[in-house]
Amino acid sequence: MQMPFPLRVAVPLKMLVALLVTGLMLVHPGLAAAQAVSKGPSGLPLPRFVSLKSKKVNLRVGPGTTYAASWMYLKAGLPVEIIQEYDNWRRIRDADGTEGWVNQALLSGQRTAVTAPWMKGKGDGVYVNMRRDPQANAAIIAKLEPGVVVKLVECNGDWCEADYDGTEGWLSQAEIWGAYPAEVFK
């Protein structure tokens, strides 16, 4: 009796590695997201972080002024993540996971971040330490509550130099929302 398919197949090493990586991405979607940086119609990477330029920004349900506003942001400088582009409109996501459309004119390339928004409401005594140098044992120069917006100067993949109200120091990249894990920029 002949089998409809062979029980063993010789697979080239490159193909085997590709299959394993694909399988890992299916099992661990975060890995797929980290590898899935593409370019939008603007030629810029998607996803990417930017900030709100204006004090009042309507978040719309679709890409145009004829679409209803579902939310209004009232603070300039909030970090948002652009996840899609259509004409002059950008679909964004905020630190809470809220998504919608904003006109590109209301966005800035200035990088900002929010300190540990996932720790908001966890009680008193929960802080993100701003350090003098990009090292876990460096002196603490400020203790920031979760949800504080800071301006980012640069990130080295583990630490981000940030400015909060005139105080400059380093924050662990794992304790902010506004820079991707291992992202490096100046």
C-alpha atoms as a PDB file:
ATOM      1  CA  MET A   1       0.000   0.000   0.000  1.00  0.00           C
ATOM      2  CA  GLN A   2       1.399   3.378  -0.994  1.00  0.00           C
ATOM      3  CA  MET A   3       1.021   6.344   1.374  1.00  0.00           C
ATOM      4  CA  PRO A   4      -0.532   9.514  -0.108  1.00  0.00           C
ATOM      5  CA  PHE A   5       2.318  11.570   1.326  1.00  0.00           C
ATOM      6  CA  PRO A   6       5.870  10.728   2.389  1.00  0.00           C
ATOM      7  CA  LEU A   7       6.533  10.145   6.070  1.00  0.00           C
ATOM      8  CA  ARG A   8       9.881  11.937   5.923  1.00  0.00           C
ATOM      9  CA  VAL A   9      10.957  14.859   3.791  1.00  0.00           C
ATOM     10  CA  ALA A  10      14.383  16.425   3.398  1.00  0.00           C
ATOM     11  CA  VAL A  11      14.027  20.095   4.287  1.00  0.00           C
ATOM     12  CA  PRO A  12      16.804  22.596   3.521  1.00  0.00           C
ATOM     13  CA  LEU A  13      18.165  24.333   6.642  1.00  0.00           C
ATOM     14  CA  LYS A  14      17.037  27.818   5.501  1.00  0.00           C
ATOM     15  CA  MET A  15      13.493  26.571   5.013  1.00  0.00           C
ATOM     16  CA  LEU A  16      13.515  24.840   8.402  1.00  0.00           C
ATOM     17  CA  VAL A  17      14.633  28.050  10.128  1.00  0.00           C
ATOM     18  CA  ALA A  18      11.920  30.026   8.312  1.00  0.00           C
ATOM     19  CA  LEU A  19       9.288  27.500   9.388  1.00  0.00           C
ATOM     20  CA  LEU A  20      10.471  27.642  13.004  1.00  0.00           C
ATOM     21  CA  VAL A  21      10.422  31.461  13.059  1.00  0.00           C
ATOM     22  CA  THR A  22       6.929  31.499  11.525  1.00  0.00           C
ATOM     23  CA  GLY A  23       5.784  28.995  14.142  1.00  0.00           C
ATOM     24  CA  LEU A  24       7.249  31.126  16.935  1.00  0.00           C
ATOM     25  CA  MET A  25       5.384  34.166  15.624  1.00  0.00           C
ATOM     26  CA  LEU A  26       2.118  32.231  15.712  1.00  0.00           C
ATOM     27  CA  VAL A  27       2.772  31.081  19.280  1.00  0.00           C
ATOM     28  CA  HIS A  28       4.132  34.460  20.445  1.00  0.00           C
ATOM     29  CA  PRO A  29       2.280  37.311  18.627  1.00  0.00           C
ATOM     30  CA  GLY A  30       4.507  39.953  20.293  1.00  0.00           C
ATOM     31  CA  LEU A  31       7.462  38.594  18.359  1.00  0.00           C
ATOM     32  CA  ALA A  32       5.495  38.915  15.132  1.00  0.00           C
ATOM     33  CA  ALA A  33       4.566  42.518  15.975  1.00  0.00           C
ATOM     34  CA  ALA A  34       8.183  43.415  16.715  1.00  0.00           C
ATOM     35  CA  GLN A  35       9.231  42.005  13.341  1.00  0.00           C
ATOM     36  CA  ALA A  36       6.277  43.452  11.405  1.00  0.00           C
ATOM     37  CA  VAL A  37       7.452  47.033  10.910  1.00  0.00           C
ATOM     38  CA  SER A  38       6.365  48.191   7.475  1.00  0.00           C
ATOM     39  CA  LYS A  39       6.140  51.517   5.674  1.00  0.00           C
ATOM     40  CA  GLY A  40       2.935  53.461   5.228  1.00  0.00           C
ATOM     41  CA  PRO A  41       1.956  55.537   2.182  1.00  0.00           C
ATOM     42  CA  SER A  42       3.934  58.437   3.707  1.00  0.00           C
ATOM     43  CA  GLY A  43       7.104  56.337   3.453  1.00  0.00           C
ATOM     44  CA  LEU A  44       7.486  56.397   7.242  1.00  0.00           C
ATOM     45  CA  PRO A  45       7.476  53.232   9.376  1.00  0.00           C
ATOM     46  CA  LEU A  46       4.284  51.734  10.753  1.00  0.00           C
ATOM     47  CA  PRO A  47       3.729  51.516  13.617  1.00  0.00           C
ATOM     48  CA  ARG A  48       5.603  54.525  15.042  1.00  0.00           C
ATOM     49  CA  PHE A  49       5.286  56.864  18.014  1.00  0.00           C
ATOM     50  CA  VAL A  50       4.504  60.580  17.715  1.00  0.00           C
ATOM     51  CA  SER A  51       2.785  63.084  20.028  1.00  0.00           C
ATOM     52  CA  LEU A  52      -0.261  65.331  19.917  1.00  0.00           C
ATOM     53  CA  LYS A  53       0.609  68.833  18.701  1.00  0.00           C
ATOM     54  CA  SER A  54      -2.543  70.624  19.792  1.00  0.00           C
ATOM     55  CA  LYS A  55      -4.275  71.043  23.168  1.00  0.00           C
ATOM     56  CA  LYS A  56      -7.592  69.954  21.645  1.00  0.00           C
ATOM     57  CA  VAL A  57      -7.589  66.981  19.295  1.00  0.00           C
ATOM     58  CA  ASN A  58     -10.697  65.148  18.130  1.00  0.00           C
ATOM     59  CA  LEU A  59     -10.352  61.398  17.786  1.00  0.00           C
ATOM     60  CA  ARG A  60     -12.681  60.342  14.958  1.00  0.00           C
ATOM     61  CA  VAL A  61     -14.245  56.990  14.082  1.00  0.00           C
ATOM     62  CA  GLY A  62     -13.065  57.320  10.472  1.00  0.00           C
ATOM     63  CA  PRO A  63     -10.501  59.204   8.350  1.00  0.00           C
ATOM     64  CA  GLY A  64     -12.292  62.497   7.675  1.00  0.00           C
ATOM     65  CA  THR A  65     -14.125  65.407   9.281  1.00  0.00           C
ATOM     66  CA  THR A  66     -17.463  63.905   8.230  1.00  0.00           C
ATOM     67  CA  TYR A  67     -16.879  61.056  10.700  1.00  0.00           C
ATOM     68  CA  ALA A  68     -18.089  61.502  14.282  1.00  0.00           C
ATOM     69  CA  ALA A  69     -15.646  62.443  17.011  1.00  0.00           C
ATOM     70  CA  SER A  70     -15.572  59.677  19.606  1.00  0.00           C
ATOM     71  CA  TRP A  71     -13.124  61.360  21.977  1.00  0.00           C
ATOM     72  CA  MET A  72     -11.365  64.679  22.545  1.00  0.00           C
ATOM     73  CA  TYR A  73      -7.828  64.895  23.889  1.00  0.00           C
ATOM     74  CA  LEU A  74      -7.191  68.016  25.944  1.00  0.00           C
ATOM     75  CA  LYS A  75      -3.419  67.894  26.419  1.00  0.00           C
ATOM     76  CA  ALA A  76      -0.694  68.646  23.905  1.00  0.00           C
ATOM     77  CA  GLY A  77       2.338  66.375  24.029  1.00  0.00           C
ATOM     78  CA  LEU A  78       0.572  63.091  24.761  1.00  0.00           C
ATOM     79  CA  PRO A  79       2.327  60.191  23.061  1.00  0.00           C
ATOM     80  CA  VAL A  80       0.314  58.192  20.537  1.00  0.00           C
ATOM     81  CA  GLU A  81       1.187  55.357  18.203  1.00  0.00           C
ATOM     82  CA  ILE A  82       0.369  55.664  14.496  1.00  0.00           C
ATOM     83  CA  ILE A  83      -0.860  52.269  13.331  1.00  0.00           C
ATOM     84  CA  GLN A  84      -2.368  53.121   9.921  1.00  0.00           C
ATOM     85  CA  GLU A  85      -2.319  55.906   7.331  1.00  0.00           C
ATOM     86  CA  TYR A  86      -4.943  57.065   4.850  1.00  0.00           C
ATOM     87  CA  ASP A  87      -4.389  60.268   2.868  1.00  0.00           C
ATOM     88  CA  ASN A  88      -3.802  63.028   5.489  1.00  0.00           C
ATOM     89  CA  TRP A  89      -5.314  60.936   8.274  1.00  0.00           C
ATOM     90  CA  ARG A  90      -3.562  58.759  10.814  1.00  0.00           C
ATOM     91  CA  ARG A  91      -5.130  55.970  12.802  1.00  0.00           C
ATOM     92  CA  ILE A  92      -3.651  56.214  16.281  1.00  0.00           C
ATOM     93  CA  ARG A  93      -3.633  54.259  19.519  1.00  0.00           C
ATOM     94  CA  ASP A  94      -3.086  55.847  22.930  1.00  0.00           C
ATOM     95  CA  ALA A  95      -1.537  54.371  26.074  1.00  0.00           C
ATOM     96  CA  ASP A  96      -4.948  53.085  27.209  1.00  0.00           C
ATOM     97  CA  GLY A  97      -5.487  51.235  23.917  1.00  0.00           C
ATOM     98  CA  THR A  98      -8.110  53.652  22.541  1.00  0.00           C
ATOM     99  CA  GLU A  99      -7.951  53.867  18.741  1.00  0.00           C
ATOM    100  CA  GLY A 100      -9.268  56.342  16.201  1.00  0.00           C
ATOM    101  CA  TRP A 101      -8.375  58.744  13.396  1.00  0.00           C
ATOM    102  CA  VAL A 102      -6.621  62.131  13.645  1.00  0.00           C
ATOM    103  CA  ASN A 103      -5.547  64.575  10.942  1.00  0.00           C
ATOM    104  CA  GLN A 104      -1.769  64.503  10.507  1.00  0.00           C
ATOM    105  CA  ALA A 105      -1.582  68.283  11.045  1.00  0.00           C
ATOM    106  CA  LEU A 106      -2.485  67.680  14.706  1.00  0.00           C
ATOM    107  CA  LEU A 107       0.487  65.365  15.273  1.00  0.00           C
ATOM    108  CA  SER A 108       4.125  66.162  16.019  1.00  0.00           C
ATOM    109  CA  GLY A 109       7.318  64.201  15.492  1.00  0.00           C
ATOM    110  CA  GLN A 110       8.409  65.245  19.023  1.00  0.00           C
ATOM    111  CA  ARG A 111       8.859  62.016  20.978  1.00  0.00           C
ATOM    112  CA  THR A 112       7.207  61.835  24.362  1.00  0.00           C
ATOM    113  CA  ALA A 113       6.315  58.989  26.689  1.00  0.00           C
ATOM    114  CA  VAL A 114       4.009  58.160  29.581  1.00  0.00           C
ATOM    115  CA  THR A 115       5.532  56.642  32.703  1.00  0.00           C
ATOM    116  CA  ALA A 116       4.115  53.170  33.428  1.00  0.00           C
ATOM    117  CA  PRO A 117       0.444  53.846  32.571  1.00  0.00           C
ATOM    118  CA  TRP A 118      -0.300  50.191  33.435  1.00  0.00           C
ATOM    119  CA  MET A 119       0.576  50.983  37.087  1.00  0.00           C
ATOM    120  CA  LYS A 120      -1.954  53.814  37.503  1.00  0.00           C
ATOM    121  CA  GLY A 121      -4.239  53.238  40.456  1.00  0.00           C
ATOM    122  CA  LYS A 122      -2.017  50.553  42.013  1.00  0.00           C
ATOM    123  CA  GLY A 123      -1.757  52.526  45.252  1.00  0.00           C
ATOM    124  CA  ASP A 124       0.537  54.990  46.963  1.00  0.00           C
ATOM    125  CA  GLY A 125       4.262  54.485  46.836  1.00  0.00           C
ATOM    126  CA  VAL A 126       4.331  53.269  43.218  1.00  0.00           C
ATOM    127  CA  TYR A 127       6.868  55.315  41.267  1.00  0.00           C
ATOM    128  CA  VAL A 128       9.097  55.215  38.218  1.00  0.00           C
ATOM    129  CA  ASN A 129      12.635  56.205  39.164  1.00  0.00           C
ATOM    130  CA  MET A 130      14.413  58.787  37.032  1.00  0.00           C
ATOM    131  CA  ARG A 131      18.143  58.191  37.362  1.00  0.00           C
ATOM    132  CA  ARG A 132      21.221  60.369  36.829  1.00  0.00           C
ATOM    133  CA  ASP A 133      22.809  57.821  34.452  1.00  0.00           C
ATOM    134  CA  PRO A 134      21.444  54.965  32.301  1.00  0.00           C
ATOM    135  CA  GLN A 135      22.166  52.286  34.917  1.00  0.00           C
ATOM    136  CA  ALA A 136      19.969  50.483  37.428  1.00  0.00           C
ATOM    137  CA  ASN A 137      22.323  51.431  40.294  1.00  0.00           C
ATOM    138  CA  ALA A 138      22.665  55.127  39.338  1.00  0.00           C
ATOM    139  CA  ALA A 139      21.433  57.805  41.739  1.00  0.00           C
ATOM    140  CA  ILE A 140      17.689  58.501  41.695  1.00  0.00           C
ATOM    141  CA  ILE A 141      17.073  62.170  40.842  1.00  0.00           C
ATOM    142  CA  ALA A 142      13.259  62.058  40.676  1.00  0.00           C
ATOM    143  CA  LYS A 143      10.380  59.712  41.467  1.00  0.00           C
ATOM    144  CA  LEU A 144       7.612  60.022  38.859  1.00  0.00           C
ATOM    145  CA  GLU A 145       4.081  58.802  39.386  1.00  0.00           C
ATOM    146  CA  PRO A 146       2.566  56.460  36.799  1.00  0.00           C
ATOM    147  CA  GLY A 147       0.915  58.409  33.965  1.00  0.00           C
ATOM    148  CA  VAL A 148       3.355  61.350  33.884  1.00  0.00           C
ATOM    149  CA  VAL A 149       4.180  62.637  30.389  1.00  0.00           C
ATOM    150  CA  VAL A 150       7.888  63.208  29.688  1.00  0.00           C
ATOM    151  CA  LYS A 151       9.779  64.465  26.623  1.00  0.00           C
ATOM    152  CA  LEU A 152      12.182  61.907  25.224  1.00  0.00           C
ATOM    153  CA  VAL A 153      15.651  63.066  24.200  1.00  0.00           C
ATOM    154  CA  GLU A 154      17.064  59.692  23.138  1.00  0.00           C
ATOM    155  CA  CYS A 155      16.757  55.961  23.796  1.00  0.00           C
ATOM    156  CA  ASN A 156      19.618  53.454  23.715  1.00  0.00           C
ATOM    157  CA  GLY A 157      17.557  50.264  23.681  1.00  0.00           C
ATOM    158  CA  ASP A 158      17.422  49.847  27.465  1.00  0.00           C
ATOM    159  CA  TRP A 159      17.194  53.402  28.807  1.00  0.00           C
ATOM    160  CA  CYS A 160      15.651  56.654  27.593  1.00  0.00           C
ATOM    161  CA  GLU A 161      16.946  60.101  28.436  1.00  0.00           C
ATOM    162  CA  ALA A 162      13.925  62.194  29.327  1.00  0.00           C
ATOM    163  CA  ASP A 163      12.988  65.687  30.430  1.00  0.00           C
ATOM    164  CA  TYR A 164      10.252  66.219  32.984  1.00  0.00           C
ATOM    165  CA  ASP A 165       9.542  69.820  33.843  1.00  0.00           C
ATOM    166  CA  GLY A 166      13.198  70.845  33.418  1.00  0.00           C
ATOM    167  CA  THR A 167      14.647  67.801  35.189  1.00  0.00           C
ATOM    168  CA  GLU A 168      16.656  65.582  32.847  1.00  0.00           C
ATOM    169  CA  GLY A 169      17.503  62.006  33.639  1.00  0.00           C
ATOM    170  CA  TRP A 170      17.192  58.414  32.493  1.00  0.00           C
ATOM    171  CA  LEU A 171      14.162  56.114  32.639  1.00  0.00           C
ATOM    172  CA  SER A 172      14.140  52.397  32.066  1.00  0.00           C
ATOM    173  CA  GLN A 173      12.659  51.793  28.619  1.00  0.00           C
ATOM    174  CA  ALA A 174      10.589  48.978  30.153  1.00  0.00           C
ATOM    175  CA  GLU A 175       8.827  51.491  32.432  1.00  0.00           C
ATOM    176  CA  ILE A 176       7.498  53.875  29.773  1.00  0.00           C
ATOM    177  CA  TRP A 177       4.943  53.809  26.969  1.00  0.00           C
ATOM    178  CA  GLY A 178       6.224  55.782  23.989  1.00  0.00           C
ATOM    179  CA  ALA A 179       9.299  53.829  22.876  1.00  0.00           C
ATOM    180  CA  TYR A 180       9.404  50.268  21.619  1.00  0.00           C
ATOM    181  CA  PRO A 181      11.429  47.605  23.449  1.00  0.00           C
ATOM    182  CA  ALA A 182      15.044  47.765  22.249  1.00  0.00           C
ATOM    183  CA  GLU A 183      14.305  50.865  20.086  1.00  0.00           C
ATOM    184  CA  VAL A 184      17.285  53.180  19.624  1.00  0.00           C
ATOM    185  CA  PHE A 185      17.058  56.833  18.530  1.00  0.00           C
ATOM    186  CA  LYS A 186      18.614  60.255  19.151  1.00  0.00           C
END
